[in-house]
Amino acid sequence: MNKNPSSRKRAREKAQAERNQEKQKQRLEKREKKANSPSRGPGEDPDLAGIVPGPQPRPEWFDGAEASDESEENNDDNPPDSKT
């Protein structure tokens, strides 16, 4: 019934070991990248770095959505003729 369960277990363990090695490589790469990246100044929030205070420019995707909203609003102004 069970066809050599030990070979399946060995294959599973080998796959797990390969995944662990890959994760270890990624951890090392992340450490190196973090060590080589420029440090920020004291008190600088990384989430807010590069943001300019004041009104922000409109995103490109928003401009297209506004045009389609206007056309829908124009259709609402002129309801279809109804027979009452």
PDB file of N, CA and C in Angstrom:
ATOM      1  N   MET A   1       0.827  -1.183   0.000  1.00  0.00           N
ATOM      2  CA  MET A   1       0.000   0.000   0.000  1.00  0.00           C
ATOM      3  C   MET A   1       0.871   1.246   0.000  1.00  0.00           C
ATOM      4  N   ASN A   2       1.611   1.484   1.110  1.00  0.00           N
ATOM      5  CA  ASN A   2       2.540   2.611   1.141  1.00  0.00           C
ATOM      6  C   ASN A   2       3.768   2.215   0.363  1.00  0.00           C
ATOM      7  N   LYS A   3       4.045   2.978  -0.633  1.00  0.00           N
ATOM      8  CA  LYS A   3       5.140   2.651  -1.522  1.00  0.00           C
ATOM      9  C   LYS A   3       6.401   3.357  -1.042  1.00  0.00           C
ATOM     10  N   ASN A   4       7.168   2.666  -0.233  1.00  0.00           N
ATOM     11  CA  ASN A   4       8.439   3.152   0.292  1.00  0.00           C
ATOM     12  C   ASN A   4       8.309   4.552   0.904  1.00  0.00           C
ATOM     13  N   PRO A   5       7.680   4.672   2.060  1.00  0.00           N
ATOM     14  CA  PRO A   5       7.480   5.991   2.672  1.00  0.00           C
ATOM     15  C   PRO A   5       8.782   6.683   3.050  1.00  0.00           C
ATOM     16  N   SER A   6       9.845   5.929   3.275  1.00  0.00           N
ATOM     17  CA  SER A   6      11.095   6.568   3.664  1.00  0.00           C
ATOM     18  C   SER A   6      11.677   7.388   2.512  1.00  0.00           C
ATOM     19  N   SER A   7      11.479   6.971   1.264  1.00  0.00           N
ATOM     20  CA  SER A   7      11.998   7.753   0.139  1.00  0.00           C
ATOM     21  C   SER A   7      11.221   9.065  -0.004  1.00  0.00           C
ATOM     22  N   ARG A   8       9.923   9.024   0.267  1.00  0.00           N
ATOM     23  CA  ARG A   8       9.137  10.268   0.233  1.00  0.00           C
ATOM     24  C   ARG A   8       9.572  11.203   1.345  1.00  0.00           C
ATOM     25  N   LYS A   9       9.862  10.630   2.508  1.00  0.00           N
ATOM     26  CA  LYS A   9      10.311  11.450   3.623  1.00  0.00           C
ATOM     27  C   LYS A   9      11.657  12.091   3.311  1.00  0.00           C
ATOM     28  N   ARG A  10      12.571  11.326   2.711  1.00  0.00           N
ATOM     29  CA  ARG A  10      13.873  11.877   2.339  1.00  0.00           C
ATOM     30  C   ARG A  10      13.709  13.013   1.324  1.00  0.00           C
ATOM     31  N   ALA A  11      12.827  12.834   0.359  1.00  0.00           N
ATOM     32  CA  ALA A  11      12.597  13.873  -0.647  1.00  0.00           C
ATOM     33  C   ALA A  11      12.016  15.127   0.006  1.00  0.00           C
ATOM     34  N   ARG A  12      11.106  14.933   0.939  1.00  0.00           N
ATOM     35  CA  ARG A  12      10.497  16.067   1.644  1.00  0.00           C
ATOM     36  C   ARG A  12      11.548  16.803   2.479  1.00  0.00           C
ATOM     37  N   GLU A  13      12.387  16.046   3.167  1.00  0.00           N
ATOM     38  CA  GLU A  13      13.442  16.653   3.979  1.00  0.00           C
ATOM     39  C   GLU A  13      14.461  17.387   3.102  1.00  0.00           C
ATOM     40  N   LYS A  14      14.764  16.831   1.935  1.00  0.00           N
ATOM     41  CA  LYS A  14      15.708  17.477   1.018  1.00  0.00           C
ATOM     42  C   LYS A  14      15.111  18.795   0.513  1.00  0.00           C
ATOM     43  N   ALA A  15      13.834  18.794   0.172  1.00  0.00           N
ATOM     44  CA  ALA A  15      13.174  20.019  -0.287  1.00  0.00           C
ATOM     45  C   ALA A  15      13.165  21.060   0.816  1.00  0.00           C
ATOM     46  N   GLN A  16      12.924  20.639   2.040  1.00  0.00           N
ATOM     47  CA  GLN A  16      12.920  21.559   3.171  1.00  0.00           C
ATOM     48  C   GLN A  16      14.309  22.159   3.381  1.00  0.00           C
ATOM     49  N   ALA A  17      15.342  21.338   3.248  1.00  0.00           N
ATOM     50  CA  ALA A  17      16.713  21.829   3.412  1.00  0.00           C
ATOM     51  C   ALA A  17      17.045  22.852   2.322  1.00  0.00           C
ATOM     52  N   GLU A  18      16.592  22.598   1.092  1.00  0.00           N
ATOM     53  CA  GLU A  18      16.839  23.550   0.001  1.00  0.00           C
ATOM     54  C   GLU A  18      16.121  24.872   0.263  1.00  0.00           C
ATOM     55  N   ARG A  19      14.889  24.806   0.745  1.00  0.00           N
ATOM     56  CA  ARG A  19      14.154  26.031   1.073  1.00  0.00           C
ATOM     57  C   ARG A  19      14.870  26.806   2.171  1.00  0.00           C
ATOM     58  N   ASN A  20      15.369  26.100   3.184  1.00  0.00           N
ATOM     59  CA  ASN A  20      16.092  26.764   4.273  1.00  0.00           C
ATOM     60  C   ASN A  20      17.363  27.440   3.765  1.00  0.00           C
ATOM     61  N   GLN A  21      18.081  26.777   2.850  1.00  0.00           N
ATOM     62  CA  GLN A  21      19.278  27.380   2.288  1.00  0.00           C
ATOM     63  C   GLN A  21      18.928  28.644   1.508  1.00  0.00           C
ATOM     64  N   GLU A  22      17.850  28.600   0.735  1.00  0.00           N
ATOM     65  CA  GLU A  22      17.425  29.771  -0.041  1.00  0.00           C
ATOM     66  C   GLU A  22      17.054  30.925   0.888  1.00  0.00           C
ATOM     67  N   LYS A  23      16.344  30.612   1.957  1.00  0.00           N
ATOM     68  CA  LYS A  23      15.981  31.650   2.930  1.00  0.00           C
ATOM     69  C   LYS A  23      17.226  32.256   3.565  1.00  0.00           C
ATOM     70  N   GLN A  24      18.211  31.433   3.874  1.00  0.00           N
ATOM     71  CA  GLN A  24      19.449  31.927   4.479  1.00  0.00           C
ATOM     72  C   GLN A  24      20.170  32.856   3.516  1.00  0.00           C
ATOM     73  N   LYS A  25      20.202  32.492   2.219  1.00  0.00           N
ATOM     74  CA  LYS A  25      20.831  33.359   1.222  1.00  0.00           C
ATOM     75  C   LYS A  25      20.116  34.705   1.163  1.00  0.00           C
ATOM     76  N   GLN A  26      18.786  34.690   1.187  1.00  0.00           N
ATOM     77  CA  GLN A  26      18.017  35.928   1.135  1.00  0.00           C
ATOM     78  C   GLN A  26      18.283  36.789   2.358  1.00  0.00           C
ATOM     79  N   ARG A  27      18.404  36.151   3.522  1.00  0.00           N
ATOM     80  CA  ARG A  27      18.702  36.910   4.745  1.00  0.00           C
ATOM     81  C   ARG A  27      20.064  37.600   4.637  1.00  0.00           C
ATOM     82  N   LEU A  28      21.060  36.871   4.129  1.00  0.00           N
ATOM     83  CA  LEU A  28      22.393  37.450   3.978  1.00  0.00           C
ATOM     84  C   LEU A  28      22.384  38.616   2.991  1.00  0.00           C
ATOM     85  N   GLU A  29      21.668  38.446   1.865  1.00  0.00           N
ATOM     86  CA  GLU A  29      21.578  39.526   0.881  1.00  0.00           C
ATOM     87  C   GLU A  29      20.902  40.751   1.484  1.00  0.00           C
ATOM     88  N   LYS A  30      19.874  40.522   2.279  1.00  0.00           N
ATOM     89  CA  LYS A  30      19.155  41.629   2.902  1.00  0.00           C
ATOM     90  C   LYS A  30      20.067  42.368   3.893  1.00  0.00           C
ATOM     91  N   ARG A  31      20.843  41.611   4.674  1.00  0.00           N
ATOM     92  CA  ARG A  31      21.779  42.236   5.616  1.00  0.00           C
ATOM     93  C   ARG A  31      22.813  43.074   4.885  1.00  0.00           C
ATOM     94  N   GLU A  32      23.363  42.531   3.779  1.00  0.00           N
ATOM     95  CA  GLU A  32      24.366  43.266   3.015  1.00  0.00           C
ATOM     96  C   GLU A  32      23.770  44.533   2.417  1.00  0.00           C
ATOM     97  N   LYS A  33      22.575  44.427   1.877  1.00  0.00           N
ATOM     98  CA  LYS A  33      21.916  45.581   1.286  1.00  0.00           C
ATOM     99  C   LYS A  33      21.669  46.653   2.340  1.00  0.00           C
ATOM    100  N   LYS A  34      21.228  46.221   3.520  1.00  0.00           N
ATOM    101  CA  LYS A  34      20.959  47.167   4.601  1.00  0.00           C
ATOM    102  C   LYS A  34      22.252  47.833   5.069  1.00  0.00           C
ATOM    103  N   ALA A  35      23.323  47.051   5.143  1.00  0.00           N
ATOM    104  CA  ALA A  35      24.605  47.595   5.592  1.00  0.00           C
ATOM    105  C   ALA A  35      25.177  48.580   4.575  1.00  0.00           C
ATOM    106  N   ASN A  36      24.936  48.361   3.287  1.00  0.00           N
ATOM    107  CA  ASN A  36      25.498  49.214   2.246  1.00  0.00           C
ATOM    108  C   ASN A  36      24.606  50.403   1.893  1.00  0.00           C
ATOM    109  N   SER A  37      23.390  50.439   2.399  1.00  0.00           N
ATOM    110  CA  SER A  37      22.489  51.544   2.073  1.00  0.00           C
ATOM    111  C   SER A  37      22.887  52.789   2.872  1.00  0.00           C
ATOM    112  N   PRO A  38      22.635  53.975   2.312  1.00  0.00           N
ATOM    113  CA  PRO A  38      22.990  55.193   3.038  1.00  0.00           C
ATOM    114  C   PRO A  38      22.108  55.354   4.274  1.00  0.00           C
ATOM    115  N   SER A  39      22.711  55.831   5.332  1.00  0.00           N
ATOM    116  CA  SER A  39      21.953  55.995   6.571  1.00  0.00           C
ATOM    117  C   SER A  39      21.172  57.303   6.528  1.00  0.00           C
ATOM    118  N   ARG A  40      20.061  57.337   7.217  1.00  0.00           N
ATOM    119  CA  ARG A  40      19.252  58.552   7.268  1.00  0.00           C
ATOM    120  C   ARG A  40      19.697  59.397   8.451  1.00  0.00           C
ATOM    121  N   GLY A  41      19.308  60.641   8.368  1.00  0.00           N
ATOM    122  CA  GLY A  41      19.642  61.554   9.449  1.00  0.00           C
ATOM    123  C   GLY A  41      18.789  61.266  10.669  1.00  0.00           C
ATOM    124  N   PRO A  42      19.212  61.751  11.832  1.00  0.00           N
ATOM    125  CA  PRO A  42      18.425  61.513  13.044  1.00  0.00           C
ATOM    126  C   PRO A  42      17.088  62.250  12.964  1.00  0.00           C
ATOM    127  N   GLY A  43      16.050  61.598  13.385  1.00  0.00           N
ATOM    128  CA  GLY A  43      14.728  62.205  13.408  1.00  0.00           C
ATOM    129  C   GLY A  43      14.011  62.167  12.071  1.00  0.00           C
ATOM    130  N   GLU A  44      14.590  61.546  11.082  1.00  0.00           N
ATOM    131  CA  GLU A  44      13.949  61.474   9.770  1.00  0.00           C
ATOM    132  C   GLU A  44      13.107  60.199   9.688  1.00  0.00           C
ATOM    133  N   ASP A  45      11.832  60.359   9.398  1.00  0.00           N
ATOM    134  CA  ASP A  45      10.929  59.221   9.275  1.00  0.00           C
ATOM    135  C   ASP A  45      11.058  58.641   7.870  1.00  0.00           C
ATOM    136  N   PRO A  46      11.417  57.367   7.731  1.00  0.00           N
ATOM    137  CA  PRO A  46      11.606  56.795   6.395  1.00  0.00           C
ATOM    138  C   PRO A  46      10.317  56.771   5.571  1.00  0.00           C
ATOM    139  N   ASP A  47       9.164  56.724   6.232  1.00  0.00           N
ATOM    140  CA  ASP A  47       7.898  56.729   5.497  1.00  0.00           C
ATOM    141  C   ASP A  47       7.604  58.094   4.888  1.00  0.00           C
ATOM    142  N   LEU A  48       8.138  59.137   5.492  1.00  0.00           N
ATOM    143  CA  LEU A  48       7.856  60.493   5.028  1.00  0.00           C
ATOM    144  C   LEU A  48       9.001  61.092   4.232  1.00  0.00           C
ATOM    145  N   ALA A  49      10.089  60.362   4.063  1.00  0.00           N
ATOM    146  CA  ALA A  49      11.260  60.880   3.346  1.00  0.00           C
ATOM    147  C   ALA A  49      10.887  61.170   1.899  1.00  0.00           C
ATOM    148  N   GLY A  50      11.222  62.371   1.447  1.00  0.00           N
ATOM    149  CA  GLY A  50      10.982  62.740   0.060  1.00  0.00           C
ATOM    150  C   GLY A  50       9.624  63.347  -0.208  1.00  0.00           C
ATOM    151  N   ILE A  51       8.761  63.443   0.779  1.00  0.00           N
ATOM    152  CA  ILE A  51       7.442  64.034   0.592  1.00  0.00           C
ATOM    153  C   ILE A  51       7.543  65.538   0.807  1.00  0.00           C
ATOM    154  N   VAL A  52       6.971  66.274  -0.119  1.00  0.00           N
ATOM    155  CA  VAL A  52       6.996  67.729  -0.045  1.00  0.00           C
ATOM    156  C   VAL A  52       5.693  68.199   0.584  1.00  0.00           C
ATOM    157  N   PRO A  53       5.741  69.090   1.587  1.00  0.00           N
ATOM    158  CA  PRO A  53       4.511  69.575   2.186  1.00  0.00           C
ATOM    159  C   PRO A  53       3.705  70.391   1.180  1.00  0.00           C
ATOM    160  N   GLY A  54       2.410  70.381   1.362  1.00  0.00           N
ATOM    161  CA  GLY A  54       1.531  71.160   0.497  1.00  0.00           C
ATOM    162  C   GLY A  54       0.771  70.270  -0.459  1.00  0.00           C
ATOM    163  N   PRO A  55       0.048  70.887  -1.371  1.00  0.00           N
ATOM    164  CA  PRO A  55      -0.741  70.105  -2.320  1.00  0.00           C
ATOM    165  C   PRO A  55       0.146  69.197  -3.162  1.00  0.00           C
ATOM    166  N   GLN A  56      -0.310  68.001  -3.382  1.00  0.00           N
ATOM    167  CA  GLN A  56       0.438  67.026  -4.163  1.00  0.00           C
ATOM    168  C   GLN A  56      -0.113  66.997  -5.588  1.00  0.00           C
ATOM    169  N   PRO A  57       0.736  66.680  -6.559  1.00  0.00           N
ATOM    170  CA  PRO A  57       0.246  66.584  -7.936  1.00  0.00           C
ATOM    171  C   PRO A  57      -0.734  65.413  -8.067  1.00  0.00           C
ATOM    172  N   ARG A  58      -1.662  65.559  -8.996  1.00  0.00           N
ATOM    173  CA  ARG A  58      -2.648  64.505  -9.199  1.00  0.00           C
ATOM    174  C   ARG A  58      -1.987  63.307  -9.844  1.00  0.00           C
ATOM    175  N   PRO A  59      -2.343  62.119  -9.427  1.00  0.00           N
ATOM    176  CA  PRO A  59      -1.786  60.934 -10.080  1.00  0.00           C
ATOM    177  C   PRO A  59      -2.322  60.810 -11.504  1.00  0.00           C
ATOM    178  N   GLU A  60      -1.545  60.194 -12.380  1.00  0.00           N
ATOM    179  CA  GLU A  60      -1.943  60.072 -13.780  1.00  0.00           C
ATOM    180  C   GLU A  60      -3.230  59.280 -13.927  1.00  0.00           C
ATOM    181  N   TRP A  61      -3.405  58.250 -13.115  1.00  0.00           N
ATOM    182  CA  TRP A  61      -4.600  57.400 -13.258  1.00  0.00           C
ATOM    183  C   TRP A  61      -5.859  58.168 -12.882  1.00  0.00           C
ATOM    184  N   PHE A  62      -5.734  59.199 -12.069  1.00  0.00           N
ATOM    185  CA  PHE A  62      -6.904  59.943 -11.612  1.00  0.00           C
ATOM    186  C   PHE A  62      -7.481  60.819 -12.722  1.00  0.00           C
ATOM    187  N   ASP A  63      -6.632  61.357 -13.583  1.00  0.00           N
ATOM    188  CA  ASP A  63      -7.094  62.242 -14.645  1.00  0.00           C
ATOM    189  C   ASP A  63      -8.052  61.533 -15.590  1.00  0.00           C
ATOM    190  N   GLY A  64      -7.788  60.297 -15.934  1.00  0.00           N
ATOM    191  CA  GLY A  64      -8.660  59.539 -16.826  1.00  0.00           C
ATOM    192  C   GLY A  64      -9.983  59.203 -16.170  1.00  0.00           C
ATOM    193  N   ALA A  65      -9.984  58.916 -14.878  1.00  0.00           N
ATOM    194  CA  ALA A  65     -11.207  58.563 -14.167  1.00  0.00           C
ATOM    195  C   ALA A  65     -12.128  59.767 -14.065  1.00  0.00           C
ATOM    196  N   GLU A  66     -11.564  60.962 -13.935  1.00  0.00           N
ATOM    197  CA  GLU A  66     -12.385  62.165 -13.805  1.00  0.00           C
ATOM    198  C   GLU A  66     -13.145  62.429 -15.102  1.00  0.00           C
ATOM    199  N   ALA A  67     -12.516  62.202 -16.231  1.00  0.00           N
ATOM    200  CA  ALA A  67     -13.174  62.443 -17.517  1.00  0.00           C
ATOM    201  C   ALA A  67     -14.356  61.502 -17.695  1.00  0.00           C
ATOM    202  N   SER A  68     -14.231  60.256 -17.294  1.00  0.00           N
ATOM    203  CA  SER A  68     -15.345  59.314 -17.442  1.00  0.00           C
ATOM    204  C   SER A  68     -16.464  59.650 -16.454  1.00  0.00           C
ATOM    205  N   ASP A  69     -16.122  60.180 -15.268  1.00  0.00           N
ATOM    206  CA  ASP A  69     -17.148  60.581 -14.307  1.00  0.00           C
ATOM    207  C   ASP A  69     -17.974  61.740 -14.856  1.00  0.00           C
ATOM    208  N   GLU A  70     -17.329  62.684 -15.530  1.00  0.00           N
ATOM    209  CA  GLU A  70     -18.033  63.830 -16.088  1.00  0.00           C
ATOM    210  C   GLU A  70     -19.016  63.386 -17.161  1.00  0.00           C
ATOM    211  N   SER A  71     -18.623  62.427 -17.986  1.00  0.00           N
ATOM    212  CA  SER A  71     -19.526  61.971 -19.038  1.00  0.00           C
ATOM    213  C   SER A  71     -20.729  61.253 -18.436  1.00  0.00           C
ATOM    214  N   GLU A  72     -20.531  60.532 -17.339  1.00  0.00           N
ATOM    215  CA  GLU A  72     -21.650  59.879 -16.667  1.00  0.00           C
ATOM    216  C   GLU A  72     -22.592  60.913 -16.065  1.00  0.00           C
ATOM    217  N   GLU A  73     -22.031  61.999 -15.505  1.00  0.00           N
ATOM    218  CA  GLU A  73     -22.868  63.040 -14.922  1.00  0.00           C
ATOM    219  C   GLU A  73     -23.695  63.723 -16.000  1.00  0.00           C
ATOM    220  N   ASN A  74     -23.136  63.916 -17.181  1.00  0.00           N
ATOM    221  CA  ASN A  74     -23.871  64.532 -18.271  1.00  0.00           C
ATOM    222  C   ASN A  74     -25.040  63.658 -18.693  1.00  0.00           C
ATOM    223  N   ASN A  75     -24.890  62.367 -18.630  1.00  0.00           N
ATOM    224  CA  ASN A  75     -25.973  61.464 -18.984  1.00  0.00           C
ATOM    225  C   ASN A  75     -27.090  61.537 -17.955  1.00  0.00           C
ATOM    226  N   ASP A  76     -26.772  61.819 -16.708  1.00  0.00           N
ATOM    227  CA  ASP A  76     -27.778  61.908 -15.663  1.00  0.00           C
ATOM    228  C   ASP A  76     -28.625  63.172 -15.810  1.00  0.00           C
ATOM    229  N   ASP A  77     -28.058  64.227 -16.402  1.00  0.00           N
ATOM    230  CA  ASP A  77     -28.800  65.469 -16.578  1.00  0.00           C
ATOM    231  C   ASP A  77     -29.929  65.313 -17.592  1.00  0.00           C
ATOM    232  N   ASN A  78     -29.757  64.465 -18.549  1.00  0.00           N
ATOM    233  CA  ASN A  78     -30.758  64.261 -19.589  1.00  0.00           C
ATOM    234  C   ASN A  78     -31.325  62.848 -19.461  1.00  0.00           C
ATOM    235  N   PRO A  79     -32.340  62.658 -18.594  1.00  0.00           N
ATOM    236  CA  PRO A  79     -32.883  61.316 -18.448  1.00  0.00           C
ATOM    237  C   PRO A  79     -33.603  60.898 -19.724  1.00  0.00           C
ATOM    238  N   PRO A  80     -33.675  59.602 -19.977  1.00  0.00           N
ATOM    239  CA  PRO A  80     -34.356  59.140 -21.183  1.00  0.00           C
ATOM    240  C   PRO A  80     -35.838  59.489 -21.122  1.00  0.00           C
ATOM    241  N   ASP A  81     -36.438  59.686 -22.302  1.00  0.00           N
ATOM    242  CA  ASP A  81     -37.860  60.004 -22.359  1.00  0.00           C
ATOM    243  C   ASP A  81     -38.661  58.830 -21.818  1.00  0.00           C
ATOM    244  N   SER A  82     -39.582  59.155 -20.917  1.00  0.00           N
ATOM    245  CA  SER A  82     -40.434  58.104 -20.369  1.00  0.00           C
ATOM    246  C   SER A  82     -41.881  58.405 -20.734  1.00  0.00           C
ATOM    247  N   LYS A  83     -42.624  57.388 -20.995  1.00  0.00           N
ATOM    248  CA  LYS A  83     -44.040  57.545 -21.373  1.00  0.00           C
ATOM    249  C   LYS A  83     -44.869  57.377 -20.130  1.00  0.00           C
ATOM    250  N   THR A  84     -45.434  58.488 -19.615  1.00  0.00           N
ATOM    251  CA  THR A  84     -46.301  58.438 -18.435  1.00  0.00           C
ATOM    252  C   THR A  84     -47.594  59.103 -18.700  1.00  0.00           C
TER     253      THR A  84
END
